[in-house]
Amino acid sequence: MIITDYYKNIKEELINNELNKRVKNYSINRSDLNTYYNVGRMLSQAGKHYGEGIINEYSKKLTKELGKGYTATNLKYYRQFYIFSKSHTLCDKLSWSHYRTLLSISNDNEIEYYILICSKQNVSVRKLQEKIKNKEYERLPEYTKRKYTNKKEI
């Protein structure tokens, strides 16, 4: 019975986000990030009670009821985003695609560097992927890394 409550809340959150996308173009990014955070939180809680299989079950139900876009992989990204946000400051200037790209990085200082760079320089997702692929952070001198880690501007 509680499984249905988690599912019902997740479904309502996703439907509300779809409605917001159609009504308020100016706040789409914030709505997406809030929705994915909330869905990730609920999935995390449901997973603690019912195990990993719950994501596959919810994915099938959501896809059947709401259409494509709710694969198990996407739901896992939402959960990962929730966990990620507990240790990193989120920035409205970054899109969901930016955060999906950053989820693959394990070094907290490196993540903070890229968040700061993206927000200050308005870096596109493609450019961010390029910077990560070229290991921009790793090639910085240590004193520069420390300045970024301390959130100081160079």
N, C-alpha and C. Protein backbone atom coordinates (compact mmCIF):
# COMPACT_ATOMS: atom_id res chain seq x y z
N MET A 1 0.83 -1.19 0.00
CA MET A 1 0.00 0.00 0.00
C MET A 1 0.87 1.25 0.00
N ILE A 2 1.94 1.25 0.77
CA ILE A 2 2.84 2.41 0.80
C ILE A 2 3.54 2.56 -0.55
N ILE A 3 3.79 1.46 -1.25
CA ILE A 3 4.41 1.53 -2.57
C ILE A 3 3.59 2.46 -3.46
N THR A 4 2.26 2.32 -3.41
CA THR A 4 1.37 3.15 -4.21
C THR A 4 1.52 4.62 -3.83
N ASP A 5 1.71 4.92 -2.56
CA ASP A 5 1.86 6.31 -2.14
C ASP A 5 3.11 6.93 -2.74
N TYR A 6 4.23 6.24 -2.69
CA TYR A 6 5.45 6.76 -3.32
C TYR A 6 5.21 6.96 -4.81
N TYR A 7 4.64 5.95 -5.43
CA TYR A 7 4.39 6.01 -6.87
C TYR A 7 3.46 7.18 -7.20
N LYS A 8 2.39 7.30 -6.45
CA LYS A 8 1.40 8.38 -6.68
C LYS A 8 2.08 9.74 -6.56
N ASN A 9 2.90 9.93 -5.55
CA ASN A 9 3.59 11.22 -5.35
C ASN A 9 4.58 11.50 -6.48
N ILE A 10 5.31 10.48 -6.90
CA ILE A 10 6.27 10.65 -7.99
C ILE A 10 5.53 11.02 -9.27
N LYS A 11 4.45 10.33 -9.55
CA LYS A 11 3.66 10.59 -10.75
C LYS A 11 3.10 12.02 -10.73
N GLU A 12 2.55 12.45 -9.60
CA GLU A 12 2.02 13.82 -9.48
C GLU A 12 3.11 14.86 -9.70
N GLU A 13 4.29 14.62 -9.15
CA GLU A 13 5.41 15.54 -9.31
C GLU A 13 5.78 15.68 -10.78
N LEU A 14 5.85 14.58 -11.48
CA LEU A 14 6.22 14.60 -12.91
C LEU A 14 5.12 15.25 -13.75
N ILE A 15 3.88 15.00 -13.45
CA ILE A 15 2.77 15.62 -14.19
C ILE A 15 2.77 17.13 -13.97
N ASN A 16 2.95 17.55 -12.73
CA ASN A 16 3.01 18.99 -12.45
C ASN A 16 4.14 19.66 -13.20
N ASN A 17 5.28 18.98 -13.30
CA ASN A 17 6.42 19.54 -14.03
C ASN A 17 6.06 19.69 -15.52
N GLU A 18 5.40 18.71 -16.08
CA GLU A 18 5.00 18.81 -17.49
C GLU A 18 4.04 19.98 -17.69
N LEU A 19 3.12 20.18 -16.75
CA LEU A 19 2.21 21.32 -16.85
C LEU A 19 2.97 22.64 -16.75
N ASN A 20 3.93 22.72 -15.83
CA ASN A 20 4.74 23.94 -15.69
C ASN A 20 5.50 24.24 -16.96
N LYS A 21 6.00 23.22 -17.63
CA LYS A 21 6.74 23.42 -18.87
C LYS A 21 5.87 24.09 -19.92
N ARG A 22 4.60 23.75 -19.93
CA ARG A 22 3.69 24.31 -20.94
C ARG A 22 3.22 25.71 -20.56
N VAL A 23 3.16 26.02 -19.28
CA VAL A 23 2.60 27.29 -18.84
C VAL A 23 3.66 28.37 -18.64
N LYS A 24 4.78 28.05 -18.00
CA LYS A 24 5.77 29.05 -17.61
C LYS A 24 7.11 28.76 -18.27
N ASN A 25 7.30 29.25 -19.44
CA ASN A 25 8.56 29.01 -20.14
C ASN A 25 9.77 29.56 -19.39
N TYR A 26 9.61 30.67 -18.71
CA TYR A 26 10.74 31.31 -18.05
C TYR A 26 11.29 30.51 -16.88
N SER A 27 10.52 29.62 -16.34
CA SER A 27 10.98 28.90 -15.16
C SER A 27 11.14 27.39 -15.41
N ILE A 28 11.26 27.00 -16.66
CA ILE A 28 11.36 25.58 -16.98
C ILE A 28 12.54 24.92 -16.27
N ASN A 29 13.71 25.55 -16.34
CA ASN A 29 14.90 24.94 -15.74
C ASN A 29 14.73 24.74 -14.24
N ARG A 30 14.25 25.75 -13.54
CA ARG A 30 14.07 25.63 -12.10
C ARG A 30 13.05 24.54 -11.78
N SER A 31 11.97 24.51 -12.54
CA SER A 31 10.94 23.49 -12.34
C SER A 31 11.51 22.10 -12.57
N ASP A 32 12.29 21.93 -13.64
CA ASP A 32 12.91 20.62 -13.91
C ASP A 32 13.80 20.20 -12.75
N LEU A 33 14.68 21.09 -12.32
CA LEU A 33 15.62 20.75 -11.25
C LEU A 33 14.88 20.41 -9.96
N ASN A 34 13.86 21.20 -9.62
CA ASN A 34 13.07 20.92 -8.41
C ASN A 34 12.36 19.58 -8.53
N THR A 35 11.78 19.33 -9.69
CA THR A 35 11.06 18.08 -9.89
C THR A 35 12.00 16.89 -9.79
N TYR A 36 13.14 16.95 -10.47
CA TYR A 36 14.07 15.82 -10.47
C TYR A 36 14.66 15.61 -9.08
N TYR A 37 14.86 16.69 -8.34
CA TYR A 37 15.33 16.58 -6.95
C TYR A 37 14.27 15.86 -6.11
N ASN A 38 13.02 16.31 -6.21
CA ASN A 38 11.95 15.71 -5.40
C ASN A 38 11.69 14.26 -5.78
N VAL A 39 11.69 13.97 -7.06
CA VAL A 39 11.50 12.59 -7.51
C VAL A 39 12.66 11.72 -7.02
N GLY A 40 13.88 12.26 -7.12
CA GLY A 40 15.06 11.53 -6.64
C GLY A 40 14.97 11.24 -5.15
N ARG A 41 14.48 12.21 -4.39
CA ARG A 41 14.32 12.02 -2.94
C ARG A 41 13.31 10.91 -2.65
N MET A 42 12.18 10.95 -3.34
CA MET A 42 11.16 9.92 -3.13
C MET A 42 11.64 8.54 -3.58
N LEU A 43 12.37 8.50 -4.68
CA LEU A 43 12.92 7.22 -5.14
C LEU A 43 13.93 6.67 -4.16
N SER A 44 14.71 7.56 -3.57
CA SER A 44 15.70 7.15 -2.58
C SER A 44 15.00 6.55 -1.36
N GLN A 45 13.95 7.21 -0.91
CA GLN A 45 13.19 6.72 0.23
C GLN A 45 12.49 5.40 -0.09
N ALA A 46 11.88 5.32 -1.27
CA ALA A 46 11.19 4.09 -1.67
C ALA A 46 12.18 2.94 -1.80
N GLY A 47 13.37 3.23 -2.33
CA GLY A 47 14.39 2.21 -2.49
C GLY A 47 14.84 1.63 -1.17
N LYS A 48 14.89 2.49 -0.13
CA LYS A 48 15.28 2.01 1.20
C LYS A 48 14.25 1.02 1.74
N HIS A 49 12.98 1.24 1.41
CA HIS A 49 11.92 0.37 1.91
C HIS A 49 11.72 -0.88 1.06
N TYR A 50 11.88 -0.73 -0.26
CA TYR A 50 11.48 -1.81 -1.15
C TYR A 50 12.58 -2.34 -2.05
N GLY A 51 13.78 -1.77 -1.98
CA GLY A 51 14.89 -2.28 -2.77
C GLY A 51 14.99 -1.64 -4.14
N GLU A 52 16.05 -2.01 -4.84
CA GLU A 52 16.36 -1.43 -6.15
C GLU A 52 15.31 -1.73 -7.21
N GLY A 53 14.62 -2.84 -7.08
CA GLY A 53 13.63 -3.24 -8.08
C GLY A 53 12.49 -2.25 -8.24
N ILE A 54 12.31 -1.40 -7.25
CA ILE A 54 11.20 -0.45 -7.28
C ILE A 54 11.37 0.54 -8.44
N ILE A 55 12.60 0.87 -8.80
CA ILE A 55 12.83 1.81 -9.90
C ILE A 55 12.34 1.21 -11.22
N ASN A 56 12.65 -0.05 -11.46
CA ASN A 56 12.17 -0.70 -12.68
C ASN A 56 10.64 -0.78 -12.71
N GLU A 57 10.06 -1.08 -11.57
CA GLU A 57 8.60 -1.16 -11.48
C GLU A 57 7.97 0.20 -11.77
N TYR A 58 8.49 1.25 -11.13
CA TYR A 58 7.95 2.60 -11.35
C TYR A 58 8.18 3.05 -12.79
N SER A 59 9.31 2.70 -13.35
CA SER A 59 9.60 3.06 -14.73
C SER A 59 8.55 2.50 -15.68
N LYS A 60 8.23 1.24 -15.50
CA LYS A 60 7.23 0.59 -16.36
C LYS A 60 5.87 1.27 -16.22
N LYS A 61 5.47 1.53 -14.97
CA LYS A 61 4.17 2.17 -14.72
C LYS A 61 4.13 3.58 -15.30
N LEU A 62 5.18 4.37 -15.04
CA LEU A 62 5.20 5.76 -15.52
C LEU A 62 5.21 5.82 -17.04
N THR A 63 5.97 4.94 -17.66
CA THR A 63 6.03 4.91 -19.12
C THR A 63 4.66 4.55 -19.69
N LYS A 64 4.00 3.61 -19.07
CA LYS A 64 2.67 3.20 -19.53
C LYS A 64 1.65 4.34 -19.36
N GLU A 65 1.72 5.06 -18.23
CA GLU A 65 0.73 6.08 -17.92
C GLU A 65 1.07 7.46 -18.47
N LEU A 66 2.37 7.82 -18.55
CA LEU A 66 2.76 9.17 -18.95
C LEU A 66 3.50 9.24 -20.28
N GLY A 67 3.89 8.10 -20.82
CA GLY A 67 4.63 8.09 -22.08
C GLY A 67 6.11 7.91 -21.85
N LYS A 68 6.85 7.94 -22.95
CA LYS A 68 8.29 7.68 -22.84
C LYS A 68 9.02 8.81 -22.12
N GLY A 69 10.24 8.53 -21.71
CA GLY A 69 11.03 9.51 -20.98
C GLY A 69 11.26 9.13 -19.53
N TYR A 70 10.60 8.10 -19.09
CA TYR A 70 10.72 7.70 -17.68
C TYR A 70 11.34 6.31 -17.57
N THR A 71 12.45 6.14 -18.27
CA THR A 71 13.17 4.87 -18.23
C THR A 71 13.79 4.67 -16.86
N ALA A 72 14.17 3.45 -16.57
CA ALA A 72 14.84 3.16 -15.30
C ALA A 72 16.13 3.96 -15.20
N THR A 73 16.82 4.14 -16.32
CA THR A 73 18.06 4.93 -16.32
C THR A 73 17.78 6.36 -15.90
N ASN A 74 16.74 6.98 -16.45
CA ASN A 74 16.40 8.36 -16.07
C ASN A 74 16.02 8.46 -14.60
N LEU A 75 15.25 7.50 -14.12
CA LEU A 75 14.86 7.52 -12.71
C LEU A 75 16.09 7.37 -11.81
N LYS A 76 17.05 6.57 -12.24
CA LYS A 76 18.29 6.43 -11.47
C LYS A 76 19.07 7.74 -11.48
N TYR A 77 19.06 8.45 -12.61
CA TYR A 77 19.70 9.77 -12.66
C TYR A 77 19.04 10.74 -11.67
N TYR A 78 17.71 10.69 -11.58
CA TYR A 78 17.02 11.58 -10.65
C TYR A 78 17.46 11.29 -9.21
N ARG A 79 17.53 10.01 -8.89
CA ARG A 79 17.98 9.63 -7.54
C ARG A 79 19.42 10.06 -7.30
N GLN A 80 20.26 9.85 -8.30
CA GLN A 80 21.66 10.25 -8.19
C GLN A 80 21.79 11.77 -8.04
N PHE A 81 20.94 12.52 -8.73
CA PHE A 81 20.93 13.98 -8.63
C PHE A 81 20.56 14.41 -7.21
N TYR A 82 19.60 13.75 -6.61
CA TYR A 82 19.21 14.06 -5.22
C TYR A 82 20.40 13.84 -4.29
N ILE A 83 21.06 12.71 -4.42
CA ILE A 83 22.23 12.41 -3.58
C ILE A 83 23.34 13.42 -3.84
N PHE A 84 23.58 13.74 -5.10
CA PHE A 84 24.58 14.72 -5.52
C PHE A 84 24.31 16.09 -4.87
N SER A 85 23.05 16.50 -4.86
CA SER A 85 22.69 17.84 -4.37
C SER A 85 22.87 17.98 -2.86
N LYS A 86 22.96 16.87 -2.16
CA LYS A 86 23.17 16.95 -0.71
C LYS A 86 24.59 17.41 -0.38
N SER A 87 25.53 17.23 -1.32
CA SER A 87 26.92 17.61 -1.06
C SER A 87 27.43 18.73 -1.96
N HIS A 88 26.58 19.22 -2.87
CA HIS A 88 27.00 20.28 -3.78
C HIS A 88 25.95 21.38 -3.84
N THR A 89 26.41 22.61 -3.97
CA THR A 89 25.51 23.73 -4.13
C THR A 89 24.99 23.75 -5.56
N LEU A 90 23.68 23.77 -5.71
CA LEU A 90 23.09 23.79 -7.04
C LEU A 90 22.95 25.23 -7.52
N CYS A 91 23.05 25.40 -8.82
CA CYS A 91 23.00 26.72 -9.43
C CYS A 91 21.89 26.73 -10.47
N ASP A 92 20.99 27.72 -10.40
CA ASP A 92 19.90 27.82 -11.38
C ASP A 92 20.39 28.06 -12.80
N LYS A 93 21.60 28.57 -12.94
CA LYS A 93 22.13 28.87 -14.27
C LYS A 93 22.49 27.61 -15.04
N LEU A 94 22.64 26.49 -14.33
CA LEU A 94 22.98 25.23 -14.98
C LEU A 94 21.70 24.46 -15.26
N SER A 95 21.66 23.82 -16.41
CA SER A 95 20.49 23.05 -16.81
C SER A 95 20.61 21.61 -16.30
N TRP A 96 19.53 20.86 -16.50
CA TRP A 96 19.54 19.45 -16.16
C TRP A 96 20.66 18.74 -16.94
N SER A 97 20.87 19.13 -18.19
CA SER A 97 21.91 18.50 -19.00
C SER A 97 23.30 18.76 -18.43
N HIS A 98 23.51 19.95 -17.88
CA HIS A 98 24.79 20.24 -17.21
C HIS A 98 24.98 19.26 -16.04
N TYR A 99 23.94 19.15 -15.22
CA TYR A 99 24.06 18.30 -14.03
C TYR A 99 24.21 16.82 -14.40
N ARG A 100 23.51 16.38 -15.44
CA ARG A 100 23.69 15.00 -15.89
C ARG A 100 25.14 14.75 -16.27
N THR A 101 25.76 15.74 -16.91
CA THR A 101 27.16 15.61 -17.30
C THR A 101 28.05 15.56 -16.06
N LEU A 102 27.76 16.39 -15.07
CA LEU A 102 28.58 16.45 -13.86
C LEU A 102 28.43 15.21 -12.96
N LEU A 103 27.33 14.49 -13.10
CA LEU A 103 27.11 13.31 -12.26
C LEU A 103 28.16 12.23 -12.49
N SER A 104 28.85 12.28 -13.60
CA SER A 104 29.86 11.26 -13.90
C SER A 104 31.19 11.53 -13.21
N ILE A 105 31.34 12.71 -12.60
CA ILE A 105 32.61 13.08 -11.96
C ILE A 105 32.55 12.71 -10.48
N SER A 106 33.63 12.11 -9.97
CA SER A 106 33.63 11.70 -8.57
C SER A 106 34.36 12.68 -7.65
N ASN A 107 35.23 13.51 -8.19
CA ASN A 107 36.00 14.45 -7.39
C ASN A 107 35.16 15.69 -7.07
N ASP A 108 34.85 15.90 -5.78
CA ASP A 108 34.00 17.02 -5.36
C ASP A 108 34.58 18.38 -5.77
N ASN A 109 35.88 18.55 -5.60
CA ASN A 109 36.50 19.83 -5.97
C ASN A 109 36.39 20.08 -7.47
N GLU A 110 36.53 19.05 -8.25
CA GLU A 110 36.42 19.17 -9.70
C GLU A 110 34.99 19.57 -10.08
N ILE A 111 34.02 18.96 -9.43
CA ILE A 111 32.62 19.30 -9.69
C ILE A 111 32.37 20.77 -9.36
N GLU A 112 32.83 21.20 -8.20
CA GLU A 112 32.63 22.59 -7.79
C GLU A 112 33.29 23.55 -8.78
N TYR A 113 34.46 23.18 -9.28
CA TYR A 113 35.16 23.99 -10.28
C TYR A 113 34.29 24.15 -11.52
N TYR A 114 33.77 23.05 -12.04
CA TYR A 114 32.97 23.12 -13.26
C TYR A 114 31.65 23.86 -13.03
N ILE A 115 31.03 23.71 -11.88
CA ILE A 115 29.82 24.46 -11.57
C ILE A 115 30.12 25.95 -11.59
N LEU A 116 31.21 26.34 -10.94
CA LEU A 116 31.59 27.75 -10.89
C LEU A 116 31.89 28.30 -12.28
N ILE A 117 32.65 27.55 -13.05
CA ILE A 117 33.02 27.97 -14.41
C ILE A 117 31.75 28.12 -15.27
N CYS A 118 30.87 27.13 -15.20
CA CYS A 118 29.65 27.17 -16.02
C CYS A 118 28.76 28.36 -15.66
N SER A 119 28.62 28.63 -14.38
CA SER A 119 27.75 29.72 -13.97
C SER A 119 28.36 31.09 -14.26
N LYS A 120 29.65 31.22 -14.06
CA LYS A 120 30.31 32.52 -14.29
C LYS A 120 30.47 32.83 -15.78
N GLN A 121 30.79 31.81 -16.58
CA GLN A 121 31.11 32.02 -17.99
C GLN A 121 29.99 31.58 -18.93
N ASN A 122 28.86 31.17 -18.37
CA ASN A 122 27.72 30.74 -19.18
C ASN A 122 28.13 29.66 -20.19
N VAL A 123 28.79 28.64 -19.69
CA VAL A 123 29.32 27.56 -20.53
C VAL A 123 28.19 26.62 -20.95
N SER A 124 28.15 26.30 -22.24
CA SER A 124 27.14 25.38 -22.76
C SER A 124 27.48 23.95 -22.33
N VAL A 125 26.51 23.07 -22.46
CA VAL A 125 26.71 21.66 -22.10
C VAL A 125 27.81 21.06 -22.98
N ARG A 126 27.75 21.36 -24.26
CA ARG A 126 28.76 20.82 -25.17
C ARG A 126 30.16 21.29 -24.78
N LYS A 127 30.27 22.56 -24.42
CA LYS A 127 31.57 23.11 -24.01
C LYS A 127 32.02 22.48 -22.69
N LEU A 128 31.09 22.26 -21.78
CA LEU A 128 31.40 21.60 -20.51
C LEU A 128 31.93 20.19 -20.76
N GLN A 129 31.27 19.45 -21.63
CA GLN A 129 31.72 18.10 -21.96
C GLN A 129 33.13 18.13 -22.55
N GLU A 130 33.39 19.13 -23.36
CA GLU A 130 34.72 19.29 -23.96
C GLU A 130 35.77 19.57 -22.89
N LYS A 131 35.43 20.46 -21.95
CA LYS A 131 36.36 20.80 -20.87
C LYS A 131 36.68 19.56 -20.02
N ILE A 132 35.66 18.77 -19.74
CA ILE A 132 35.86 17.55 -18.94
C ILE A 132 36.70 16.54 -19.72
N LYS A 133 36.37 16.36 -20.98
CA LYS A 133 37.11 15.41 -21.81
C LYS A 133 38.58 15.81 -21.93
N ASN A 134 38.83 17.12 -22.02
CA ASN A 134 40.21 17.62 -22.12
C ASN A 134 40.90 17.73 -20.76
N LYS A 135 40.20 17.32 -19.71
CA LYS A 135 40.75 17.31 -18.34
C LYS A 135 41.27 18.68 -17.92
N GLU A 136 40.44 19.69 -18.18
CA GLU A 136 40.83 21.06 -17.86
C GLU A 136 41.19 21.22 -16.38
N TYR A 137 40.34 20.68 -15.52
CA TYR A 137 40.59 20.82 -14.08
C TYR A 137 41.91 20.18 -13.68
N GLU A 138 42.16 18.99 -14.18
CA GLU A 138 43.38 18.25 -13.81
C GLU A 138 44.64 18.98 -14.26
N ARG A 139 44.54 19.77 -15.30
CA ARG A 139 45.71 20.46 -15.82
C ARG A 139 45.96 21.81 -15.14
N LEU A 140 45.05 22.23 -14.27
CA LEU A 140 45.25 23.50 -13.56
C LEU A 140 46.38 23.37 -12.55
N PRO A 141 47.14 24.45 -12.34
CA PRO A 141 48.15 24.43 -11.27
C PRO A 141 47.46 24.28 -9.91
N GLU A 142 48.15 23.71 -8.96
CA GLU A 142 47.58 23.46 -7.63
C GLU A 142 47.06 24.73 -6.96
N TYR A 143 47.79 25.84 -7.08
CA TYR A 143 47.34 27.07 -6.41
C TYR A 143 46.03 27.57 -7.02
N THR A 144 45.84 27.35 -8.30
CA THR A 144 44.59 27.75 -8.96
C THR A 144 43.45 26.86 -8.49
N LYS A 145 43.70 25.57 -8.35
CA LYS A 145 42.68 24.65 -7.85
C LYS A 145 42.24 25.06 -6.45
N ARG A 146 43.21 25.43 -5.61
CA ARG A 146 42.89 25.84 -4.24
C ARG A 146 42.02 27.09 -4.24
N LYS A 147 42.32 28.02 -5.12
CA LYS A 147 41.52 29.25 -5.19
C LYS A 147 40.08 28.93 -5.58
N TYR A 148 39.90 28.05 -6.55
CA TYR A 148 38.55 27.67 -6.95
C TYR A 148 37.86 26.88 -5.87
N THR A 149 38.59 26.04 -5.19
CA THR A 149 38.03 25.25 -4.11
C THR A 149 37.53 26.16 -2.99
N ASN A 150 38.26 27.24 -2.75
CA ASN A 150 37.86 28.19 -1.73
C ASN A 150 36.85 29.22 -2.24
N LYS A 151 36.38 29.01 -3.49
CA LYS A 151 35.39 29.86 -4.13
C LYS A 151 35.88 31.29 -4.37
N LYS A 152 37.18 31.44 -4.50
CA LYS A 152 37.73 32.75 -4.81
C LYS A 152 37.88 32.86 -6.31
N GLU A 153 37.74 34.07 -6.81
CA GLU A 153 37.92 34.27 -8.23
C GLU A 153 39.38 34.57 -8.51
N ILE A 154 39.81 34.16 -9.69
CA ILE A 154 41.19 34.40 -10.08
C ILE A 154 41.26 35.71 -10.85
